[in-house]
Amino acid sequence: MEELLKKISNYQIFNYLFPGALVTYYLEKLYQISLGEKNIFIVLCCYYVIGLITSRLGALSIETTIKLFISFVSYSDYIKATKKDPIIHGMMSIANMYRTLCIIPLLMLILGPFKTNTQHTPITFYILTAIAFFVFLFSYIRQIVFIIQRAHTVLHKQQGA
């Protein structure tokens, strides 16, 4: 197990494990859905898969929607830019983390009214969850804009040289 944990990258921790743990926590608090598992390996695997699904939902919904308003750098230009400036790759990892963290509060806002327990959810939950959504949405947009600007700068320097 220790060897497996060493092979997990920071990207996987911040984009899959951590979001998977958050979603699991919210599901337990809102819906009393618990993994009910004591084996840490199985729990980590569940967190990873739940986080992976959450990340994909973010890519399919948040990223696709943002692309309607912001023109991203083409994939071939992104590859060229990251070869010249490896920092761009790290910036993209951070953007992906923001995107994944953005979808979690959105899922909670969508699923919140359908919770199974009869306990009333305070309005502050919805307000704070909406605030979290917008904080991560704007963080994602800002990071993407920085990446686009940096990639264009690197590519234009390359053309001018």
N, C-alpha and C. Protein backbone atom coordinates (compact mmCIF):
# COMPACT_ATOMS: atom_id res chain seq x y z
N MET A 1 0.83 -1.19 0.00
CA MET A 1 0.00 0.00 0.00
C MET A 1 0.87 1.25 0.00
N GLU A 2 1.98 1.21 0.74
CA GLU A 2 2.88 2.36 0.80
C GLU A 2 3.45 2.66 -0.58
N GLU A 3 3.79 1.61 -1.33
CA GLU A 3 4.30 1.79 -2.69
C GLU A 3 3.25 2.43 -3.59
N LEU A 4 2.01 2.02 -3.42
CA LEU A 4 0.92 2.59 -4.21
C LEU A 4 0.75 4.07 -3.92
N LEU A 5 0.81 4.44 -2.66
CA LEU A 5 0.67 5.84 -2.28
C LEU A 5 1.81 6.70 -2.82
N LYS A 6 3.00 6.12 -2.94
CA LYS A 6 4.13 6.85 -3.50
C LYS A 6 3.95 7.13 -4.99
N LYS A 7 3.19 6.27 -5.67
CA LYS A 7 3.00 6.41 -7.10
C LYS A 7 1.88 7.39 -7.46
N ILE A 8 1.11 7.80 -6.47
CA ILE A 8 0.02 8.74 -6.73
C ILE A 8 0.61 10.14 -6.83
N SER A 9 0.33 10.81 -7.92
CA SER A 9 0.88 12.15 -8.15
C SER A 9 0.08 13.21 -7.40
N ASN A 10 0.67 14.38 -7.28
CA ASN A 10 -0.05 15.51 -6.67
C ASN A 10 -1.33 15.80 -7.44
N TYR A 11 -1.27 15.67 -8.77
CA TYR A 11 -2.45 15.91 -9.59
C TYR A 11 -3.58 14.97 -9.18
N GLN A 12 -3.27 13.70 -9.01
CA GLN A 12 -4.29 12.73 -8.63
C GLN A 12 -4.82 12.98 -7.22
N ILE A 13 -3.96 13.43 -6.33
CA ILE A 13 -4.41 13.73 -4.97
C ILE A 13 -5.38 14.89 -4.98
N PHE A 14 -5.02 15.99 -5.65
CA PHE A 14 -5.84 17.20 -5.61
C PHE A 14 -7.01 17.19 -6.58
N ASN A 15 -6.99 16.31 -7.59
CA ASN A 15 -8.08 16.27 -8.55
C ASN A 15 -8.98 15.05 -8.41
N TYR A 16 -8.53 14.02 -7.68
CA TYR A 16 -9.34 12.83 -7.53
C TYR A 16 -9.58 12.46 -6.06
N LEU A 17 -8.51 12.23 -5.30
CA LEU A 17 -8.68 11.79 -3.91
C LEU A 17 -9.37 12.83 -3.04
N PHE A 18 -8.84 14.03 -3.03
CA PHE A 18 -9.40 15.10 -2.19
C PHE A 18 -10.86 15.41 -2.56
N PRO A 19 -11.18 15.64 -3.85
CA PRO A 19 -12.59 15.87 -4.21
C PRO A 19 -13.47 14.65 -3.91
N GLY A 20 -12.94 13.45 -4.10
CA GLY A 20 -13.71 12.25 -3.78
C GLY A 20 -14.05 12.18 -2.30
N ALA A 21 -13.10 12.56 -1.46
CA ALA A 21 -13.34 12.58 -0.02
C ALA A 21 -14.39 13.64 0.33
N LEU A 22 -14.31 14.81 -0.33
CA LEU A 22 -15.30 15.87 -0.07
C LEU A 22 -16.71 15.45 -0.47
N VAL A 23 -16.83 14.86 -1.66
CA VAL A 23 -18.14 14.42 -2.13
C VAL A 23 -18.69 13.35 -1.19
N THR A 24 -17.84 12.43 -0.78
CA THR A 24 -18.27 11.38 0.15
C THR A 24 -18.74 11.98 1.47
N TYR A 25 -18.01 12.97 1.95
CA TYR A 25 -18.40 13.66 3.20
C TYR A 25 -19.78 14.31 3.04
N TYR A 26 -19.98 15.03 1.95
CA TYR A 26 -21.27 15.68 1.72
C TYR A 26 -22.40 14.67 1.57
N LEU A 27 -22.13 13.57 0.87
CA LEU A 27 -23.16 12.54 0.72
C LEU A 27 -23.55 11.95 2.06
N GLU A 28 -22.56 11.80 2.93
CA GLU A 28 -22.86 11.26 4.26
C GLU A 28 -23.67 12.27 5.08
N LYS A 29 -23.30 13.54 5.00
CA LYS A 29 -24.00 14.57 5.79
C LYS A 29 -25.40 14.86 5.25
N LEU A 30 -25.56 14.91 3.94
CA LEU A 30 -26.86 15.26 3.36
C LEU A 30 -27.79 14.06 3.23
N TYR A 31 -27.24 12.91 2.89
CA TYR A 31 -28.07 11.76 2.54
C TYR A 31 -27.87 10.54 3.44
N GLN A 32 -26.99 10.66 4.42
CA GLN A 32 -26.65 9.55 5.30
C GLN A 32 -26.16 8.34 4.50
N ILE A 33 -25.52 8.60 3.36
CA ILE A 33 -24.91 7.54 2.56
C ILE A 33 -23.46 7.43 3.00
N SER A 34 -23.11 6.30 3.58
CA SER A 34 -21.77 6.10 4.10
C SER A 34 -21.12 4.94 3.37
N LEU A 35 -19.81 5.04 3.21
CA LEU A 35 -19.09 3.92 2.61
C LEU A 35 -19.18 2.69 3.51
N GLY A 36 -19.25 2.91 4.82
CA GLY A 36 -19.36 1.80 5.75
C GLY A 36 -18.18 0.86 5.70
N GLU A 37 -17.09 1.34 5.23
CA GLU A 37 -15.90 0.49 5.04
C GLU A 37 -14.81 0.93 6.00
N LYS A 38 -14.13 -0.02 6.59
CA LYS A 38 -13.05 0.27 7.52
C LYS A 38 -11.68 0.11 6.88
N ASN A 39 -11.61 -0.66 5.81
CA ASN A 39 -10.34 -0.92 5.13
C ASN A 39 -9.90 0.36 4.41
N ILE A 40 -8.78 0.93 4.83
CA ILE A 40 -8.32 2.21 4.30
C ILE A 40 -8.03 2.14 2.80
N PHE A 41 -7.56 1.00 2.31
CA PHE A 41 -7.28 0.84 0.89
C PHE A 41 -8.57 0.95 0.08
N ILE A 42 -9.62 0.29 0.53
CA ILE A 42 -10.90 0.35 -0.18
C ILE A 42 -11.49 1.76 -0.10
N VAL A 43 -11.37 2.39 1.05
CA VAL A 43 -11.86 3.77 1.21
C VAL A 43 -11.14 4.70 0.24
N LEU A 44 -9.82 4.59 0.16
CA LEU A 44 -9.05 5.44 -0.76
C LEU A 44 -9.42 5.17 -2.21
N CYS A 45 -9.64 3.90 -2.54
CA CYS A 45 -10.08 3.56 -3.91
C CYS A 45 -11.44 4.19 -4.22
N CYS A 46 -12.35 4.13 -3.26
CA CYS A 46 -13.67 4.73 -3.44
C CYS A 46 -13.55 6.25 -3.62
N TYR A 47 -12.74 6.87 -2.76
CA TYR A 47 -12.51 8.32 -2.89
C TYR A 47 -11.97 8.64 -4.28
N TYR A 48 -11.02 7.83 -4.74
CA TYR A 48 -10.39 8.06 -6.05
C TYR A 48 -11.42 7.98 -7.17
N VAL A 49 -12.23 6.93 -7.16
CA VAL A 49 -13.22 6.74 -8.23
C VAL A 49 -14.29 7.83 -8.18
N ILE A 50 -14.77 8.16 -6.98
CA ILE A 50 -15.77 9.22 -6.84
C ILE A 50 -15.17 10.55 -7.29
N GLY A 51 -13.90 10.80 -6.94
CA GLY A 51 -13.22 12.01 -7.38
C GLY A 51 -13.01 12.04 -8.88
N LEU A 52 -12.69 10.90 -9.46
CA LEU A 52 -12.52 10.80 -10.91
C LEU A 52 -13.82 11.13 -11.63
N ILE A 53 -14.91 10.58 -11.14
CA ILE A 53 -16.22 10.87 -11.73
C ILE A 53 -16.55 12.36 -11.58
N THR A 54 -16.27 12.91 -10.40
CA THR A 54 -16.52 14.32 -10.16
C THR A 54 -15.69 15.18 -11.11
N SER A 55 -14.43 14.82 -11.28
CA SER A 55 -13.55 15.55 -12.19
C SER A 55 -14.07 15.52 -13.62
N ARG A 56 -14.52 14.37 -14.05
CA ARG A 56 -15.06 14.24 -15.42
C ARG A 56 -16.34 15.06 -15.57
N LEU A 57 -17.19 15.07 -14.54
CA LEU A 57 -18.39 15.91 -14.59
C LEU A 57 -18.02 17.38 -14.74
N GLY A 58 -16.97 17.79 -14.02
CA GLY A 58 -16.49 19.16 -14.14
C GLY A 58 -15.98 19.46 -15.54
N ALA A 59 -15.24 18.53 -16.10
CA ALA A 59 -14.71 18.73 -17.45
C ALA A 59 -15.84 18.81 -18.48
N LEU A 60 -16.83 17.94 -18.31
CA LEU A 60 -17.92 17.90 -19.29
C LEU A 60 -18.88 19.08 -19.15
N SER A 61 -19.05 19.59 -17.95
CA SER A 61 -20.02 20.67 -17.76
C SER A 61 -19.36 22.04 -17.64
N ILE A 62 -18.51 22.23 -16.66
CA ILE A 62 -17.91 23.53 -16.40
C ILE A 62 -17.01 23.95 -17.57
N GLU A 63 -16.06 23.08 -17.94
CA GLU A 63 -15.13 23.43 -19.01
C GLU A 63 -15.85 23.66 -20.33
N THR A 64 -16.79 22.79 -20.64
CA THR A 64 -17.53 22.93 -21.90
C THR A 64 -18.30 24.25 -21.94
N THR A 65 -18.89 24.63 -20.82
CA THR A 65 -19.64 25.89 -20.75
C THR A 65 -18.70 27.08 -20.88
N ILE A 66 -17.57 27.06 -20.20
CA ILE A 66 -16.61 28.16 -20.25
C ILE A 66 -16.06 28.33 -21.66
N LYS A 67 -15.88 27.22 -22.37
CA LYS A 67 -15.37 27.28 -23.75
C LYS A 67 -16.33 28.01 -24.69
N LEU A 68 -17.57 28.15 -24.30
CA LEU A 68 -18.51 28.93 -25.11
C LEU A 68 -18.20 30.42 -25.05
N PHE A 69 -17.51 30.84 -23.99
CA PHE A 69 -17.24 32.26 -23.77
C PHE A 69 -15.77 32.64 -23.89
N ILE A 70 -14.88 31.68 -23.70
CA ILE A 70 -13.44 31.94 -23.76
C ILE A 70 -12.82 31.01 -24.79
N SER A 71 -12.01 31.57 -25.65
CA SER A 71 -11.33 30.77 -26.66
C SER A 71 -10.04 30.20 -26.06
N PHE A 72 -10.04 28.90 -25.82
CA PHE A 72 -8.88 28.24 -25.25
C PHE A 72 -7.78 28.13 -26.31
N VAL A 73 -6.56 27.89 -25.85
CA VAL A 73 -5.44 27.62 -26.75
C VAL A 73 -5.66 26.23 -27.34
N SER A 74 -5.36 26.07 -28.62
CA SER A 74 -5.51 24.74 -29.22
C SER A 74 -4.57 23.75 -28.53
N TYR A 75 -4.91 22.49 -28.61
CA TYR A 75 -4.10 21.48 -27.92
C TYR A 75 -2.68 21.46 -28.47
N SER A 76 -2.52 21.59 -29.79
CA SER A 76 -1.16 21.58 -30.36
C SER A 76 -0.36 22.79 -29.89
N ASP A 77 -1.00 23.95 -29.79
CA ASP A 77 -0.32 25.13 -29.27
C ASP A 77 0.00 24.97 -27.78
N TYR A 78 -0.90 24.33 -27.05
CA TYR A 78 -0.66 24.08 -25.63
C TYR A 78 0.59 23.19 -25.46
N ILE A 79 0.70 22.16 -26.27
CA ILE A 79 1.86 21.25 -26.21
C ILE A 79 3.14 22.02 -26.55
N LYS A 80 3.09 22.83 -27.59
CA LYS A 80 4.28 23.62 -27.96
C LYS A 80 4.67 24.58 -26.83
N ALA A 81 3.67 25.22 -26.25
CA ALA A 81 3.95 26.19 -25.19
C ALA A 81 4.50 25.51 -23.94
N THR A 82 3.98 24.34 -23.58
CA THR A 82 4.47 23.65 -22.38
C THR A 82 5.89 23.13 -22.58
N LYS A 83 6.26 22.84 -23.81
CA LYS A 83 7.65 22.42 -24.07
C LYS A 83 8.60 23.59 -23.84
N LYS A 84 8.16 24.78 -24.19
CA LYS A 84 8.99 25.98 -24.00
C LYS A 84 8.91 26.51 -22.57
N ASP A 85 7.76 26.33 -21.93
CA ASP A 85 7.53 26.86 -20.58
C ASP A 85 6.77 25.82 -19.75
N PRO A 86 7.50 24.95 -19.04
CA PRO A 86 6.85 23.87 -18.28
C PRO A 86 5.93 24.36 -17.16
N ILE A 87 6.04 25.61 -16.76
CA ILE A 87 5.18 26.16 -15.72
C ILE A 87 3.71 26.11 -16.16
N ILE A 88 3.48 26.19 -17.45
CA ILE A 88 2.10 26.17 -17.97
C ILE A 88 1.41 24.86 -17.58
N HIS A 89 2.14 23.77 -17.61
CA HIS A 89 1.56 22.47 -17.23
C HIS A 89 1.08 22.51 -15.77
N GLY A 90 1.90 23.05 -14.89
CA GLY A 90 1.51 23.19 -13.48
C GLY A 90 0.31 24.10 -13.32
N MET A 91 0.28 25.18 -14.10
CA MET A 91 -0.86 26.09 -14.05
C MET A 91 -2.14 25.39 -14.48
N MET A 92 -2.02 24.50 -15.47
CA MET A 92 -3.19 23.75 -15.94
C MET A 92 -3.67 22.77 -14.89
N SER A 93 -2.74 22.17 -14.15
CA SER A 93 -3.13 21.27 -13.06
C SER A 93 -3.94 22.03 -12.00
N ILE A 94 -3.51 23.24 -11.70
CA ILE A 94 -4.24 24.07 -10.73
C ILE A 94 -5.62 24.43 -11.28
N ALA A 95 -5.69 24.78 -12.56
CA ALA A 95 -6.98 25.10 -13.18
C ALA A 95 -7.92 23.90 -13.10
N ASN A 96 -7.40 22.72 -13.36
CA ASN A 96 -8.22 21.51 -13.30
C ASN A 96 -8.72 21.25 -11.89
N MET A 97 -7.88 21.55 -10.90
CA MET A 97 -8.30 21.41 -9.51
C MET A 97 -9.45 22.37 -9.21
N TYR A 98 -9.33 23.63 -9.66
CA TYR A 98 -10.41 24.60 -9.46
C TYR A 98 -11.69 24.14 -10.14
N ARG A 99 -11.55 23.60 -11.34
CA ARG A 99 -12.72 23.11 -12.08
C ARG A 99 -13.41 21.97 -11.32
N THR A 100 -12.62 21.05 -10.80
CA THR A 100 -13.18 19.93 -10.05
C THR A 100 -13.83 20.42 -8.76
N LEU A 101 -13.17 21.35 -8.05
CA LEU A 101 -13.74 21.88 -6.82
C LEU A 101 -14.98 22.74 -7.10
N CYS A 102 -15.09 23.27 -8.30
CA CYS A 102 -16.25 24.07 -8.69
C CYS A 102 -17.49 23.20 -8.85
N ILE A 103 -17.33 22.00 -9.36
CA ILE A 103 -18.49 21.15 -9.62
C ILE A 103 -19.08 20.59 -8.33
N ILE A 104 -18.26 20.45 -7.27
CA ILE A 104 -18.76 19.86 -6.03
C ILE A 104 -19.89 20.69 -5.42
N PRO A 105 -19.71 22.01 -5.20
CA PRO A 105 -20.84 22.77 -4.65
C PRO A 105 -22.04 22.82 -5.59
N LEU A 106 -21.77 22.79 -6.89
CA LEU A 106 -22.88 22.78 -7.84
C LEU A 106 -23.68 21.49 -7.69
N LEU A 107 -23.00 20.36 -7.55
CA LEU A 107 -23.70 19.10 -7.32
C LEU A 107 -24.49 19.14 -6.02
N MET A 108 -23.91 19.73 -4.99
CA MET A 108 -24.61 19.81 -3.70
C MET A 108 -25.84 20.71 -3.79
N LEU A 109 -25.74 21.79 -4.58
CA LEU A 109 -26.91 22.66 -4.77
C LEU A 109 -28.01 21.95 -5.56
N ILE A 110 -27.61 21.16 -6.54
CA ILE A 110 -28.59 20.43 -7.36
C ILE A 110 -29.22 19.30 -6.55
N LEU A 111 -28.40 18.56 -5.80
CA LEU A 111 -28.89 17.40 -5.07
C LEU A 111 -29.48 17.75 -3.71
N GLY A 112 -29.14 18.90 -3.17
CA GLY A 112 -29.58 19.29 -1.83
C GLY A 112 -31.07 19.17 -1.59
N PRO A 113 -31.91 19.71 -2.47
CA PRO A 113 -33.35 19.61 -2.24
C PRO A 113 -33.91 18.19 -2.25
N PHE A 114 -33.15 17.24 -2.79
CA PHE A 114 -33.63 15.86 -2.89
C PHE A 114 -33.14 14.97 -1.76
N LYS A 115 -32.59 15.57 -0.71
CA LYS A 115 -32.04 14.77 0.37
C LYS A 115 -33.14 13.94 1.03
N THR A 116 -32.73 12.82 1.58
CA THR A 116 -33.70 11.85 2.08
C THR A 116 -34.10 12.07 3.53
N ASN A 117 -33.26 12.74 4.31
CA ASN A 117 -33.65 12.92 5.71
C ASN A 117 -34.66 14.06 5.83
N THR A 118 -35.38 14.08 6.91
CA THR A 118 -36.44 15.06 7.08
C THR A 118 -35.96 16.33 7.76
N GLN A 119 -34.70 16.34 8.17
CA GLN A 119 -34.15 17.51 8.83
C GLN A 119 -34.04 18.66 7.83
N HIS A 120 -34.45 19.84 8.25
CA HIS A 120 -34.42 21.02 7.39
C HIS A 120 -32.98 21.50 7.20
N THR A 121 -32.60 21.77 5.96
CA THR A 121 -31.27 22.31 5.68
C THR A 121 -31.35 23.83 5.79
N PRO A 122 -30.50 24.44 6.61
CA PRO A 122 -30.56 25.89 6.77
C PRO A 122 -30.19 26.62 5.48
N ILE A 123 -30.76 27.78 5.29
CA ILE A 123 -30.50 28.59 4.10
C ILE A 123 -29.02 28.95 4.00
N THR A 124 -28.35 29.03 5.15
CA THR A 124 -26.92 29.35 5.11
C THR A 124 -26.13 28.29 4.36
N PHE A 125 -26.58 27.02 4.42
CA PHE A 125 -25.91 25.97 3.65
C PHE A 125 -25.94 26.31 2.16
N TYR A 126 -27.10 26.70 1.67
CA TYR A 126 -27.24 27.01 0.24
C TYR A 126 -26.47 28.27 -0.13
N ILE A 127 -26.45 29.25 0.74
CA ILE A 127 -25.72 30.49 0.47
C ILE A 127 -24.22 30.22 0.42
N LEU A 128 -23.72 29.52 1.43
CA LEU A 128 -22.28 29.22 1.47
C LEU A 128 -21.86 28.30 0.33
N THR A 129 -22.72 27.38 -0.02
CA THR A 129 -22.43 26.48 -1.13
C THR A 129 -22.40 27.24 -2.45
N ALA A 130 -23.32 28.17 -2.64
CA ALA A 130 -23.33 29.01 -3.84
C ALA A 130 -22.07 29.88 -3.90
N ILE A 131 -21.70 30.44 -2.76
CA ILE A 131 -20.48 31.25 -2.71
C ILE A 131 -19.26 30.41 -3.09
N ALA A 132 -19.18 29.20 -2.55
CA ALA A 132 -18.06 28.30 -2.88
C ALA A 132 -18.04 28.01 -4.38
N PHE A 133 -19.21 27.78 -4.97
CA PHE A 133 -19.29 27.53 -6.42
C PHE A 133 -18.71 28.71 -7.19
N PHE A 134 -19.13 29.92 -6.87
CA PHE A 134 -18.67 31.09 -7.62
C PHE A 134 -17.19 31.38 -7.37
N VAL A 135 -16.71 31.15 -6.15
CA VAL A 135 -15.29 31.35 -5.87
C VAL A 135 -14.45 30.43 -6.76
N PHE A 136 -14.81 29.15 -6.82
CA PHE A 136 -14.02 28.22 -7.63
C PHE A 136 -14.26 28.44 -9.13
N LEU A 137 -15.45 28.85 -9.51
CA LEU A 137 -15.70 29.14 -10.93
C LEU A 137 -14.83 30.30 -11.39
N PHE A 138 -14.83 31.39 -10.64
CA PHE A 138 -14.03 32.55 -11.03
C PHE A 138 -12.53 32.25 -10.92
N SER A 139 -12.14 31.43 -9.97
CA SER A 139 -10.74 31.01 -9.87
C SER A 139 -10.34 30.21 -11.10
N TYR A 140 -11.21 29.32 -11.54
CA TYR A 140 -10.95 28.52 -12.73
C TYR A 140 -10.82 29.41 -13.97
N ILE A 141 -11.77 30.33 -14.13
CA ILE A 141 -11.73 31.23 -15.28
C ILE A 141 -10.46 32.07 -15.27
N ARG A 142 -10.13 32.61 -14.12
CA ARG A 142 -8.94 33.45 -14.01
C ARG A 142 -7.68 32.65 -14.35
N GLN A 143 -7.59 31.43 -13.84
CA GLN A 143 -6.42 30.60 -14.11
C GLN A 143 -6.33 30.25 -15.60
N ILE A 144 -7.46 29.96 -16.22
CA ILE A 144 -7.47 29.66 -17.65
C ILE A 144 -7.00 30.87 -18.46
N VAL A 145 -7.46 32.05 -18.09
CA VAL A 145 -7.04 33.28 -18.78
C VAL A 145 -5.53 33.46 -18.64
N PHE A 146 -4.98 33.22 -17.44
CA PHE A 146 -3.54 33.31 -17.24
C PHE A 146 -2.80 32.32 -18.14
N ILE A 147 -3.32 31.11 -18.24
CA ILE A 147 -2.69 30.08 -19.08
C ILE A 147 -2.71 30.51 -20.54
N ILE A 148 -3.84 31.00 -21.00
CA ILE A 148 -3.96 31.44 -22.39
C ILE A 148 -2.98 32.56 -22.67
N GLN A 149 -2.91 33.54 -21.78
CA GLN A 149 -1.98 34.67 -21.96
C GLN A 149 -0.53 34.19 -21.97
N ARG A 150 -0.20 33.30 -21.05
CA ARG A 150 1.18 32.82 -20.97
C ARG A 150 1.53 31.99 -22.20
N ALA A 151 0.62 31.15 -22.64
CA ALA A 151 0.87 30.34 -23.84
C ALA A 151 1.05 31.23 -25.06
N HIS A 152 0.20 32.24 -25.21
CA HIS A 152 0.34 33.17 -26.35
C HIS A 152 1.67 33.90 -26.29
N THR A 153 2.08 34.32 -25.10
CA THR A 153 3.36 35.01 -24.95
C THR A 153 4.51 34.10 -25.35
N VAL A 154 4.48 32.85 -24.89
CA VAL A 154 5.54 31.90 -25.22
C VAL A 154 5.54 31.62 -26.72
N LEU A 155 4.38 31.43 -27.30
CA LEU A 155 4.31 31.11 -28.73
C LEU A 155 4.73 32.30 -29.60
N HIS A 156 4.40 33.51 -29.17
CA HIS A 156 4.79 34.69 -29.95
C HIS A 156 6.28 34.97 -29.84
N LYS A 157 6.87 34.69 -28.68
CA LYS A 157 8.32 34.80 -28.53
C LYS A 157 9.02 33.81 -29.45
N GLN A 158 8.41 32.61 -29.54
CA GLN A 158 8.98 31.57 -30.39
C GLN A 158 8.92 31.99 -31.85
N GLN A 159 7.83 32.60 -32.29
CA GLN A 159 7.68 33.02 -33.67
C GLN A 159 8.61 34.18 -34.00
N GLY A 160 8.80 35.07 -33.00
CA GLY A 160 9.65 36.25 -33.21
C GLY A 160 11.14 35.92 -33.21
N ALA A 161 11.50 34.79 -32.61
CA ALA A 161 12.92 34.44 -32.51
C ALA A 161 13.45 33.81 -33.77
